[in-house]
Protein backbone atom coordinates (compact mmCIF):
# COMPACT_ATOMS: atom_id res chain seq x y z
CA SER A 1 -14.72 -136.29 -75.35
CA LYS A 2 -14.71 -135.62 -71.61
CA THR A 3 -11.18 -137.00 -71.44
CA LYS A 4 -9.87 -135.71 -74.77
CA LYS A 5 -7.28 -133.38 -73.23
CA HIS A 6 -6.17 -135.80 -70.53
CA THR A 7 -3.11 -138.04 -70.54
CA ALA A 8 -3.44 -141.69 -71.47
CA GLU A 9 -3.07 -142.65 -67.80
CA GLN A 10 -5.81 -140.21 -66.76
CA ARG A 11 -8.12 -141.61 -69.46
CA LYS A 12 -7.40 -145.13 -68.23
CA GLN A 13 -8.31 -144.18 -64.65
CA PHE A 14 -11.49 -142.46 -65.80
CA ARG A 15 -12.50 -145.50 -67.83
CA LEU A 16 -11.82 -147.91 -64.97
CA GLU A 17 -13.80 -145.78 -62.51
CA LYS A 18 -16.71 -144.63 -64.67
CA GLU A 19 -17.00 -146.91 -67.68
CA LYS A 20 -15.98 -150.33 -66.38
CA PRO A 21 -19.04 -150.65 -64.09
CA ILE A 22 -21.29 -149.90 -67.08
CA LEU A 23 -19.55 -152.49 -69.25
CA ASP A 24 -19.60 -155.04 -66.42
CA ALA A 25 -23.36 -154.54 -66.08
CA PHE A 26 -23.74 -154.97 -69.83
CA TRP A 27 -21.77 -158.24 -69.85
CA ASN A 28 -23.78 -159.54 -66.88
CA TRP A 29 -27.01 -158.68 -68.65
CA LEU A 30 -25.78 -160.27 -71.88
CA GLU A 31 -24.94 -163.53 -70.09
CA GLN A 32 -28.56 -163.73 -68.93
CA GLN A 33 -29.87 -163.53 -72.50
CA HIS A 34 -30.79 -166.81 -74.15
CA PRO A 35 -32.16 -166.01 -77.59
CA ASN A 36 -33.35 -168.77 -79.90
CA LYS A 37 -30.51 -170.30 -81.88
CA GLY A 38 -30.10 -169.08 -85.41
CA THR A 39 -31.90 -165.79 -84.83
CA ARG A 40 -30.33 -162.42 -85.50
CA LEU A 41 -30.40 -161.70 -81.79
CA ALA A 42 -28.51 -164.93 -81.06
CA LYS A 43 -25.90 -163.96 -83.63
CA ALA A 44 -25.57 -160.48 -82.12
CA VAL A 45 -25.18 -161.85 -78.58
CA ASN A 46 -22.61 -164.39 -79.76
CA TYR A 47 -20.74 -161.71 -81.71
CA ALA A 48 -20.50 -159.46 -78.65
CA GLN A 49 -19.46 -162.28 -76.32
CA ASN A 50 -16.73 -163.41 -78.72
CA ARG A 51 -15.27 -159.90 -78.74
CA LYS A 52 -15.50 -159.14 -75.04
CA ASP A 53 -11.76 -159.41 -74.36
CA THR A 54 -10.92 -157.15 -77.28
CA LEU A 55 -13.42 -154.52 -76.20
CA MET A 56 -12.26 -154.62 -72.59
CA THR A 57 -8.72 -153.76 -73.78
CA TYR A 58 -10.09 -150.26 -74.30
CA LEU A 59 -10.36 -149.87 -70.52
CA GLU A 60 -6.73 -150.78 -69.88
CA ASP A 61 -5.08 -148.52 -72.47
CA GLY A 62 -5.76 -144.81 -72.45
CA HIS A 63 -4.34 -144.53 -75.96
CA CYS A 64 -7.17 -146.64 -77.41
CA SER A 65 -10.32 -145.08 -78.77
CA LEU A 66 -13.71 -146.68 -79.25
CA SER A 67 -14.19 -144.55 -82.33
CA ASN A 68 -12.44 -145.00 -85.65
CA ASN A 69 -13.44 -141.51 -86.82
CA LEU A 70 -9.80 -140.44 -87.16
CA SER A 71 -9.10 -143.35 -89.51
CA GLU A 72 -12.30 -142.78 -91.46
CA ASN A 73 -11.53 -139.09 -91.89
CA ALA A 74 -7.94 -139.82 -92.89
CA ILE A 75 -8.94 -142.11 -95.77
CA ARG A 76 -11.86 -140.00 -97.01
CA PRO A 77 -9.73 -137.83 -99.38
CA PHE A 78 -8.11 -140.98 -100.73
CA THR A 79 -11.50 -142.57 -101.34
CA ILE A 80 -12.79 -139.46 -103.07
CA GLY A 81 -9.67 -139.21 -105.24
CA ARG A 82 -9.51 -142.91 -106.05
CA LYS A 83 -11.09 -142.49 -109.49
CA ASN A 84 -8.51 -139.83 -110.35
CA TRP A 85 -5.71 -142.26 -109.58
CA LEU A 86 -7.04 -145.18 -111.60
CA PHE A 87 -4.73 -144.30 -114.42
CA SER A 88 -1.34 -144.23 -112.72
CA ALA A 89 1.36 -144.56 -115.34
CA SER A 90 2.61 -147.80 -113.77
CA PRO A 91 2.29 -150.02 -110.71
CA LYS A 92 5.44 -148.36 -109.34
CA GLY A 93 3.81 -144.96 -109.79
CA ALA A 94 0.72 -146.14 -107.91
CA THR A 95 2.92 -147.50 -105.11
CA ALA A 96 4.85 -144.22 -104.93
CA SER A 97 1.57 -142.27 -104.72
CA ALA A 98 0.36 -144.51 -101.90
CA ILE A 99 3.61 -144.03 -99.98
CA VAL A 100 3.52 -140.25 -100.33
CA TYR A 101 -0.16 -140.16 -99.39
CA THR A 102 0.54 -142.25 -96.27
CA MET A 103 3.40 -139.97 -95.23
CA VAL A 104 1.27 -136.84 -95.65
CA GLU A 105 -1.61 -138.31 -93.64
CA MET A 106 0.76 -139.42 -90.86
CA ALA A 107 2.23 -135.92 -90.76
CA LYS A 108 -1.27 -134.45 -90.46
CA ALA A 109 -2.14 -136.92 -87.70
CA ASN A 110 0.92 -135.73 -85.78
CA ASP A 111 0.12 -132.02 -86.28
CA LEU A 112 3.03 -131.44 -88.65
CA ASN A 113 2.88 -128.79 -91.34
CA THR A 114 2.29 -130.63 -94.60
CA ILE A 115 2.43 -127.51 -96.76
CA ASN A 116 6.16 -126.81 -96.31
CA ILE A 117 7.49 -130.35 -96.41
């Protein structure tokens, strides 16, 4: 949230300067861990190590976010309304509803007025 109003390039610089050292320390610490095989801790360590490259992408692209809150919030109305849409008249009707819903949510995500479309 400290970099919310910054450009993608500014966020990238902030992450490289402030967050990369923290992540590097975490990865160094993780490499020193040797939990017993088959334990939950071993699975967690392995899981993290297998996703290191993907996580580190976050540092290099200021457009990326570690949070998926925007996605979660965007699908919440759909999830709540799902029972109402169980009885679409046809598969084509359900597809059309999904397309319109997607367009409206994309418009909202881009700060467009969805009322007067």
